[in-house]
């Protein structure tokens, strides 16, 4: 029992408690309904989009968006869709 007193105070409760066996978590709901919502949603074809700019052209577009087309008024964030 002197072995327990030589250890740090926070380790005593882990050493003194006996291990009974591994307790596993339960699965929520049955797996028979897995993928129900995804299979119910209608398939929509992807729209064709313009090829995104890369390299120098992308840097130019970002610069123009940030500094050239400034509008008077409060600053808008980079993810705002309002114009």
PDB file of N, CA and C in Angstrom:
ATOM      1  N   UNK A   1       0.812  -1.197   0.000  1.00  0.00           N
ATOM      2  CA  UNK A   1       0.000   0.000   0.000  1.00  0.00           C
ATOM      3  C   UNK A   1       0.851   1.254   0.000  1.00  0.00           C
ATOM      4  N   UNK A   2       2.129   1.147   0.385  1.00  0.00           N
ATOM      5  CA  UNK A   2       3.003   2.318   0.352  1.00  0.00           C
ATOM      6  C   UNK A   2       3.294   2.739  -1.098  1.00  0.00           C
ATOM      7  N   UNK A   3       3.063   1.819  -2.041  1.00  0.00           N
ATOM      8  CA  UNK A   3       3.279   2.128  -3.461  1.00  0.00           C
ATOM      9  C   UNK A   3       2.348   3.248  -3.922  1.00  0.00           C
ATOM     10  N   UNK A   4       1.112   3.258  -3.419  1.00  0.00           N
ATOM     11  CA  UNK A   4       0.155   4.292  -3.811  1.00  0.00           C
ATOM     12  C   UNK A   4       0.559   5.670  -3.291  1.00  0.00           C
ATOM     13  N   UNK A   5       1.196   5.734  -2.150  1.00  0.00           N
ATOM     14  CA  UNK A   5       1.567   7.022  -1.579  1.00  0.00           C
ATOM     15  C   UNK A   5       2.755   7.647  -2.292  1.00  0.00           C
ATOM     16  N   UNK A   6       3.538   6.853  -3.013  1.00  0.00           N
ATOM     17  CA  UNK A   6       4.687   7.396  -3.706  1.00  0.00           C
ATOM     18  C   UNK A   6       4.308   8.028  -5.052  1.00  0.00           C
ATOM     19  N   UNK A   7       3.102   7.762  -5.529  1.00  0.00           N
ATOM     20  CA  UNK A   7       2.679   8.295  -6.816  1.00  0.00           C
ATOM     21  C   UNK A   7       2.042   9.667  -6.648  1.00  0.00           C
ATOM     22  N   UNK A   8       1.948  10.449  -7.729  1.00  0.00           N
ATOM     23  CA  UNK A   8       1.279  11.745  -7.637  1.00  0.00           C
ATOM     24  C   UNK A   8      -0.182  11.569  -7.227  1.00  0.00           C
ATOM     25  N   UNK A   9      -0.741  12.629  -6.633  1.00  0.00           N
ATOM     26  CA  UNK A   9      -2.095  12.520  -6.082  1.00  0.00           C
ATOM     27  C   UNK A   9      -3.138  12.256  -7.167  1.00  0.00           C
ATOM     28  N   UNK A  10      -2.914  12.742  -8.374  1.00  0.00           N
ATOM     29  CA  UNK A  10      -3.918  12.585  -9.433  1.00  0.00           C
ATOM     30  C   UNK A  10      -3.897  11.189 -10.047  1.00  0.00           C
ATOM     31  N   UNK A  11      -2.848  10.404  -9.780  1.00  0.00           N
ATOM     32  CA  UNK A  11      -2.746   9.070 -10.366  1.00  0.00           C
ATOM     33  C   UNK A  11      -3.360   8.001  -9.460  1.00  0.00           C
ATOM     34  N   UNK A  12      -3.609   8.309  -8.189  1.00  0.00           N
ATOM     35  CA  UNK A  12      -4.102   7.319  -7.230  1.00  0.00           C
ATOM     36  C   UNK A  12      -5.435   6.719  -7.677  1.00  0.00           C
ATOM     37  N   UNK A  13      -6.353   7.561  -8.118  1.00  0.00           N
ATOM     38  CA  UNK A  13      -7.687   7.045  -8.431  1.00  0.00           C
ATOM     39  C   UNK A  13      -7.668   6.119  -9.641  1.00  0.00           C
ATOM     40  N   UNK A  14      -6.699   6.290 -10.542  1.00  0.00           N
ATOM     41  CA  UNK A  14      -6.620   5.417 -11.703  1.00  0.00           C
ATOM     42  C   UNK A  14      -6.003   4.065 -11.337  1.00  0.00           C
ATOM     43  N   UNK A  15      -5.043   4.061 -10.430  1.00  0.00           N
ATOM     44  CA  UNK A  15      -4.358   2.836 -10.055  1.00  0.00           C
ATOM     45  C   UNK A  15      -5.234   2.006  -9.128  1.00  0.00           C
ATOM     46  N   UNK A  16      -5.947   2.645  -8.194  1.00  0.00           N
ATOM     47  CA  UNK A  16      -6.698   1.933  -7.170  1.00  0.00           C
ATOM     48  C   UNK A  16      -7.953   1.260  -7.728  1.00  0.00           C
ATOM     49  N   UNK A  17      -8.531   1.788  -8.828  1.00  0.00           N
ATOM     50  CA  UNK A  17      -9.776   1.233  -9.351  1.00  0.00           C
ATOM     51  C   UNK A  17      -9.493  -0.007 -10.180  1.00  0.00           C
ATOM     52  N   UNK A  18     -10.185  -1.122  -9.896  1.00  0.00           N
ATOM     53  CA  UNK A  18      -9.984  -2.328 -10.700  1.00  0.00           C
ATOM     54  C   UNK A  18     -10.678  -2.200 -12.055  1.00  0.00           C
ATOM     55  N   UNK A  19     -10.098  -2.809 -13.065  1.00  0.00           N
ATOM     56  CA  UNK A  19     -10.665  -2.760 -14.410  1.00  0.00           C
ATOM     57  C   UNK A  19     -11.597  -3.949 -14.569  1.00  0.00           C
ATOM     58  N   UNK A  20     -12.868  -3.703 -14.929  1.00  0.00           N
ATOM     59  CA  UNK A  20     -13.872  -4.747 -15.017  1.00  0.00           C
ATOM     60  C   UNK A  20     -14.014  -5.312 -16.419  1.00  0.00           C
ATOM     61  N   UNK A  21     -13.638  -4.615 -17.425  1.00  0.00           N
ATOM     62  CA  UNK A  21     -13.847  -5.050 -18.805  1.00  0.00           C
ATOM     63  C   UNK A  21     -14.114  -3.823 -19.657  1.00  0.00           C
ATOM     64  N   UNK A  22     -14.005  -3.994 -20.921  1.00  0.00           N
ATOM     65  CA  UNK A  22     -14.156  -2.861 -21.820  1.00  0.00           C
ATOM     66  C   UNK A  22     -15.638  -2.639 -22.084  1.00  0.00           C
ATOM     67  N   UNK A  23     -16.109  -1.414 -21.853  1.00  0.00           N
ATOM     68  CA  UNK A  23     -17.502  -1.061 -22.105  1.00  0.00           C
ATOM     69  C   UNK A  23     -17.553  -0.329 -23.436  1.00  0.00           C
ATOM     70  N   UNK A  24     -18.280  -0.880 -24.393  1.00  0.00           N
ATOM     71  CA  UNK A  24     -18.371  -0.279 -25.720  1.00  0.00           C
ATOM     72  C   UNK A  24     -19.635   0.570 -25.816  1.00  0.00           C
ATOM     73  N   UNK A  25     -19.616   1.551 -26.700  1.00  0.00           N
ATOM     74  CA  UNK A  25     -20.781   2.401 -26.908  1.00  0.00           C
ATOM     75  C   UNK A  25     -21.825   1.708 -27.757  1.00  0.00           C
ATOM     76  N   UNK A  26     -23.030   2.227 -27.701  1.00  0.00           N
ATOM     77  CA  UNK A  26     -24.127   1.643 -28.467  1.00  0.00           C
ATOM     78  C   UNK A  26     -24.327   2.427 -29.761  1.00  0.00           C
ATOM     79  N   UNK A  27     -24.867   1.774 -30.786  1.00  0.00           N
ATOM     80  CA  UNK A  27     -25.177   2.437 -32.046  1.00  0.00           C
ATOM     81  C   UNK A  27     -26.567   3.048 -31.919  1.00  0.00           C
ATOM     82  N   UNK A  28     -26.715   4.297 -32.303  1.00  0.00           N
ATOM     83  CA  UNK A  28     -28.009   4.979 -32.210  1.00  0.00           C
ATOM     84  C   UNK A  28     -28.846   4.610 -33.421  1.00  0.00           C
ATOM     85  N   UNK A  29     -29.943   3.928 -33.205  1.00  0.00           N
ATOM     86  CA  UNK A  29     -30.827   3.542 -34.288  1.00  0.00           C
ATOM     87  C   UNK A  29     -30.308   2.301 -34.998  1.00  0.00           C
ATOM     88  N   UNK A  30     -31.192   1.683 -35.768  1.00  0.00           N
ATOM     89  CA  UNK A  30     -30.770   0.478 -36.480  1.00  0.00           C
ATOM     90  C   UNK A  30     -30.077   0.858 -37.780  1.00  0.00           C
ATOM     91  N   UNK A  31     -29.197   0.004 -38.232  1.00  0.00           N
ATOM     92  CA  UNK A  31     -28.462   0.274 -39.460  1.00  0.00           C
ATOM     93  C   UNK A  31     -29.293  -0.013 -40.700  1.00  0.00           C
ATOM     94  N   UNK A  32     -30.518  -0.523 -40.512  1.00  0.00           N
ATOM     95  CA  UNK A  32     -31.384  -0.788 -41.656  1.00  0.00           C
ATOM     96  C   UNK A  32     -31.836   0.511 -42.325  1.00  0.00           C
ATOM     97  N   UNK A  33     -31.846   1.615 -41.539  1.00  0.00           N
ATOM     98  CA  UNK A  33     -32.293   2.897 -42.093  1.00  0.00           C
ATOM     99  C   UNK A  33     -31.133   3.767 -42.556  1.00  0.00           C
ATOM    100  N   UNK A  34     -29.953   3.218 -42.638  1.00  0.00           N
ATOM    101  CA  UNK A  34     -28.783   4.015 -43.007  1.00  0.00           C
ATOM    102  C   UNK A  34     -28.904   4.508 -44.442  1.00  0.00           C
ATOM    103  N   UNK A  35     -28.634   5.781 -44.670  1.00  0.00           N
ATOM    104  CA  UNK A  35     -28.689   6.363 -46.011  1.00  0.00           C
ATOM    105  C   UNK A  35     -30.088   6.706 -46.479  1.00  0.00           C
ATOM    106  N   UNK A  36     -31.051   6.753 -45.561  1.00  0.00           N
ATOM    107  CA  UNK A  36     -32.458   6.987 -45.936  1.00  0.00           C
ATOM    108  C   UNK A  36     -32.640   8.369 -46.563  1.00  0.00           C
ATOM    109  N   UNK A  37     -32.101   9.391 -45.963  1.00  0.00           N
ATOM    110  CA  UNK A  37     -32.326  10.753 -46.447  1.00  0.00           C
ATOM    111  C   UNK A  37     -31.618  10.982 -47.769  1.00  0.00           C
ATOM    112  N   UNK A  38     -30.400  10.477 -47.899  1.00  0.00           N
ATOM    113  CA  UNK A  38     -29.656  10.676 -49.141  1.00  0.00           C
ATOM    114  C   UNK A  38     -30.355  10.000 -50.314  1.00  0.00           C
ATOM    115  N   UNK A  39     -30.913   8.823 -50.075  1.00  0.00           N
ATOM    116  CA  UNK A  39     -31.604   8.123 -51.147  1.00  0.00           C
ATOM    117  C   UNK A  39     -32.930   8.772 -51.507  1.00  0.00           C
ATOM    118  N   UNK A  40     -33.539   9.512 -50.598  1.00  0.00           N
ATOM    119  CA  UNK A  40     -34.825  10.158 -50.860  1.00  0.00           C
ATOM    120  C   UNK A  40     -34.680  11.449 -51.652  1.00  0.00           C
ATOM    121  N   UNK A  41     -33.558  12.124 -51.534  1.00  0.00           N
ATOM    122  CA  UNK A  41     -33.418  13.427 -52.184  1.00  0.00           C
ATOM    123  C   UNK A  41     -33.281  13.250 -53.689  1.00  0.00           C
ATOM    124  N   UNK A  42     -33.947  14.124 -54.463  1.00  0.00           N
ATOM    125  CA  UNK A  42     -33.864  13.993 -55.912  1.00  0.00           C
ATOM    126  C   UNK A  42     -32.480  14.362 -56.427  1.00  0.00           C
ATOM    127  N   UNK A  43     -32.036  13.653 -57.447  1.00  0.00           N
ATOM    128  CA  UNK A  43     -30.722  13.893 -58.033  1.00  0.00           C
ATOM    129  C   UNK A  43     -30.811  15.101 -58.962  1.00  0.00           C
ATOM    130  N   UNK A  44     -29.954  16.076 -58.752  1.00  0.00           N
ATOM    131  CA  UNK A  44     -29.913  17.276 -59.578  1.00  0.00           C
ATOM    132  C   UNK A  44     -28.573  17.296 -60.280  1.00  0.00           C
ATOM    133  N   UNK A  45     -28.595  17.423 -61.601  1.00  0.00           N
ATOM    134  CA  UNK A  45     -27.351  17.438 -62.372  1.00  0.00           C
ATOM    135  C   UNK A  45     -26.578  18.716 -62.068  1.00  0.00           C
ATOM    136  N   UNK A  46     -25.257  18.601 -62.033  1.00  0.00           N
ATOM    137  CA  UNK A  46     -24.425  19.765 -61.749  1.00  0.00           C
ATOM    138  C   UNK A  46     -24.454  20.721 -62.928  1.00  0.00           C
ATOM    139  N   UNK A  47     -24.522  22.011 -62.616  1.00  0.00           N
ATOM    140  CA  UNK A  47     -24.535  23.027 -63.666  1.00  0.00           C
ATOM    141  C   UNK A  47     -23.123  23.229 -64.204  1.00  0.00           C
ATOM    142  N   UNK A  48     -23.015  23.563 -65.469  1.00  0.00           N
ATOM    143  CA  UNK A  48     -21.705  23.830 -66.054  1.00  0.00           C
ATOM    144  C   UNK A  48     -21.211  25.188 -65.571  1.00  0.00           C
ATOM    145  N   UNK A  49     -19.960  25.224 -65.173  1.00  0.00           N
ATOM    146  CA  UNK A  49     -19.383  26.453 -64.647  1.00  0.00           C
ATOM    147  C   UNK A  49     -18.169  26.847 -65.475  1.00  0.00           C
ATOM    148  N   UNK A  50     -17.853  28.129 -65.371  1.00  0.00           N
ATOM    149  CA  UNK A  50     -16.661  28.628 -66.039  1.00  0.00           C
ATOM    150  C   UNK A  50     -15.418  28.097 -65.320  1.00  0.00           C
ATOM    151  N   UNK A  51     -14.374  27.826 -66.064  1.00  0.00           N
ATOM    152  CA  UNK A  51     -13.129  27.316 -65.475  1.00  0.00           C
ATOM    153  C   UNK A  51     -12.548  28.373 -64.530  1.00  0.00           C
ATOM    154  N   UNK A  52     -12.188  27.988 -63.308  1.00  0.00           N
ATOM    155  CA  UNK A  52     -11.632  28.984 -62.381  1.00  0.00           C
ATOM    156  C   UNK A  52     -10.255  29.456 -62.832  1.00  0.00           C
ATOM    157  N   UNK A  53      -9.976  30.728 -62.547  1.00  0.00           N
ATOM    158  CA  UNK A  53      -8.683  31.298 -62.915  1.00  0.00           C
ATOM    159  C   UNK A  53      -7.585  30.727 -62.027  1.00  0.00           C
ATOM    160  N   UNK A  54      -6.382  30.609 -62.578  1.00  0.00           N
ATOM    161  CA  UNK A  54      -5.244  30.116 -61.815  1.00  0.00           C
ATOM    162  C   UNK A  54      -4.041  31.018 -62.052  1.00  0.00           C
ATOM    163  N   UNK A  55      -3.095  30.925 -61.139  1.00  0.00           N
ATOM    164  CA  UNK A  55      -1.827  31.630 -61.313  1.00  0.00           C
ATOM    165  C   UNK A  55      -1.954  33.140 -61.255  1.00  0.00           C
ATOM    166  N   UNK A  56      -1.298  33.810 -62.216  1.00  0.00           N
ATOM    167  CA  UNK A  56      -1.264  35.259 -62.243  1.00  0.00           C
ATOM    168  C   UNK A  56      -2.654  35.858 -62.404  1.00  0.00           C
ATOM    169  N   UNK A  57      -3.493  35.222 -63.218  1.00  0.00           N
ATOM    170  CA  UNK A  57      -4.835  35.744 -63.459  1.00  0.00           C
ATOM    171  C   UNK A  57      -5.672  35.718 -62.182  1.00  0.00           C
ATOM    172  N   UNK A  58      -5.495  34.685 -61.378  1.00  0.00           N
ATOM    173  CA  UNK A  58      -6.247  34.614 -60.119  1.00  0.00           C
ATOM    174  C   UNK A  58      -5.793  35.701 -59.160  1.00  0.00           C
ATOM    175  N   UNK A  59      -4.487  35.906 -59.066  1.00  0.00           N
ATOM    176  CA  UNK A  59      -3.963  36.964 -58.193  1.00  0.00           C
ATOM    177  C   UNK A  59      -4.485  38.328 -58.642  1.00  0.00           C
ATOM    178  N   UNK A  60      -4.564  38.542 -59.936  1.00  0.00           N
ATOM    179  CA  UNK A  60      -5.063  39.798 -60.485  1.00  0.00           C
ATOM    180  C   UNK A  60      -6.536  39.996 -60.129  1.00  0.00           C
ATOM    181  N   UNK A  61      -7.334  38.925 -60.246  1.00  0.00           N
ATOM    182  CA  UNK A  61      -8.750  39.009 -59.915  1.00  0.00           C
ATOM    183  C   UNK A  61      -8.953  39.334 -58.431  1.00  0.00           C
ATOM    184  N   UNK A  62      -8.169  38.680 -57.556  1.00  0.00           N
ATOM    185  CA  UNK A  62      -8.299  38.920 -56.119  1.00  0.00           C
ATOM    186  C   UNK A  62      -7.893  40.347 -55.777  1.00  0.00           C
ATOM    187  N   UNK A  63      -6.829  40.831 -56.408  1.00  0.00           N
ATOM    188  CA  UNK A  63      -6.387  42.210 -56.165  1.00  0.00           C
ATOM    189  C   UNK A  63      -7.465  43.197 -56.575  1.00  0.00           C
ATOM    190  N   UNK A  64      -8.035  42.968 -57.755  1.00  0.00           N
ATOM    191  CA  UNK A  64      -9.080  43.873 -58.236  1.00  0.00           C
ATOM    192  C   UNK A  64     -10.304  43.831 -57.330  1.00  0.00           C
ATOM    193  N   UNK A  65     -10.650  42.667 -56.853  1.00  0.00           N
ATOM    194  CA  UNK A  65     -11.819  42.539 -55.976  1.00  0.00           C
ATOM    195  C   UNK A  65     -11.588  43.266 -54.658  1.00  0.00           C
ATOM    196  N   UNK A  66     -10.365  43.187 -54.129  1.00  0.00           N
ATOM    197  CA  UNK A  66     -10.100  43.767 -52.814  1.00  0.00           C
ATOM    198  C   UNK A  66      -9.837  45.264 -52.846  1.00  0.00           C
ATOM    199  N   UNK A  67      -9.105  45.730 -53.862  1.00  0.00           N
ATOM    200  CA  UNK A  67      -8.608  47.104 -53.797  1.00  0.00           C
ATOM    201  C   UNK A  67      -9.158  48.029 -54.881  1.00  0.00           C
ATOM    202  N   UNK A  68      -9.451  47.522 -56.063  1.00  0.00           N
ATOM    203  CA  UNK A  68      -9.828  48.399 -57.157  1.00  0.00           C
ATOM    204  C   UNK A  68     -11.299  48.804 -57.093  1.00  0.00           C
ATOM    205  N   UNK A  69     -12.181  47.880 -56.822  1.00  0.00           N
ATOM    206  CA  UNK A  69     -13.609  48.177 -56.864  1.00  0.00           C
ATOM    207  C   UNK A  69     -14.131  48.483 -55.462  1.00  0.00           C
ATOM    208  N   UNK A  70     -13.529  49.464 -54.795  1.00  0.00           N
ATOM    209  CA  UNK A  70     -13.979  49.812 -53.450  1.00  0.00           C
ATOM    210  C   UNK A  70     -15.227  50.679 -53.552  1.00  0.00           C
ATOM    211  N   UNK A  71     -16.160  50.416 -52.653  1.00  0.00           N
ATOM    212  CA  UNK A  71     -17.420  51.143 -52.632  1.00  0.00           C
ATOM    213  C   UNK A  71     -17.474  51.918 -51.334  1.00  0.00           C
ATOM    214  N   UNK A  72     -18.022  53.137 -51.393  1.00  0.00           N
ATOM    215  CA  UNK A  72     -18.165  53.941 -50.174  1.00  0.00           C
ATOM    216  C   UNK A  72     -19.163  53.267 -49.246  1.00  0.00           C
ATOM    217  N   UNK A  73     -18.886  53.305 -47.962  1.00  0.00           N
ATOM    218  CA  UNK A  73     -19.787  52.694 -47.000  1.00  0.00           C
ATOM    219  C   UNK A  73     -19.054  51.685 -46.142  1.00  0.00           C
ATOM    220  N   UNK A  74     -19.809  50.919 -45.372  1.00  0.00           N
ATOM    221  CA  UNK A  74     -19.159  49.949 -44.483  1.00  0.00           C
ATOM    222  C   UNK A  74     -18.497  48.815 -45.254  1.00  0.00           C
ATOM    223  N   UNK A  75     -17.396  48.315 -44.692  1.00  0.00           N
ATOM    224  CA  UNK A  75     -16.638  47.253 -45.352  1.00  0.00           C
ATOM    225  C   UNK A  75     -17.409  45.944 -45.270  1.00  0.00           C
ATOM    226  N   UNK A  76     -17.435  45.198 -46.366  1.00  0.00           N
ATOM    227  CA  UNK A  76     -18.102  43.908 -46.405  1.00  0.00           C
ATOM    228  C   UNK A  76     -17.053  42.809 -46.340  1.00  0.00           C
ATOM    229  N   UNK A  77     -17.425  41.680 -45.794  1.00  0.00           N
ATOM    230  CA  UNK A  77     -16.505  40.549 -45.667  1.00  0.00           C
ATOM    231  C   UNK A  77     -16.292  39.854 -46.995  1.00  0.00           C
ATOM    232  N   UNK A  78     -15.288  38.976 -47.097  1.00  0.00           N
ATOM    233  CA  UNK A  78     -14.976  38.296 -48.338  1.00  0.00           C
ATOM    234  C   UNK A  78     -16.027  37.278 -48.743  1.00  0.00           C
ATOM    235  N   UNK A  79     -16.925  36.894 -47.820  1.00  0.00           N
ATOM    236  CA  UNK A  79     -17.917  35.874 -48.146  1.00  0.00           C
ATOM    237  C   UNK A  79     -19.321  36.463 -48.331  1.00  0.00           C
ATOM    238  N   UNK A  80     -19.427  37.791 -48.391  1.00  0.00           N
ATOM    239  CA  UNK A  80     -20.755  38.389 -48.538  1.00  0.00           C
ATOM    240  C   UNK A  80     -21.171  38.340 -50.001  1.00  0.00           C
ATOM    241  N   UNK A  81     -22.419  37.932 -50.244  1.00  0.00           N
ATOM    242  CA  UNK A  81     -22.928  37.829 -51.592  1.00  0.00           C
ATOM    243  C   UNK A  81     -23.633  39.091 -52.064  1.00  0.00           C
ATOM    244  N   UNK A  82     -23.908  40.010 -51.140  1.00  0.00           N
ATOM    245  CA  UNK A  82     -24.592  41.254 -51.530  1.00  0.00           C
ATOM    246  C   UNK A  82     -23.617  42.155 -52.289  1.00  0.00           C
ATOM    247  N   UNK A  83     -24.132  42.844 -53.292  1.00  0.00           N
ATOM    248  CA  UNK A  83     -23.260  43.693 -54.109  1.00  0.00           C
ATOM    249  C   UNK A  83     -23.432  45.151 -53.766  1.00  0.00           C
TER     250      UNK A  83
END
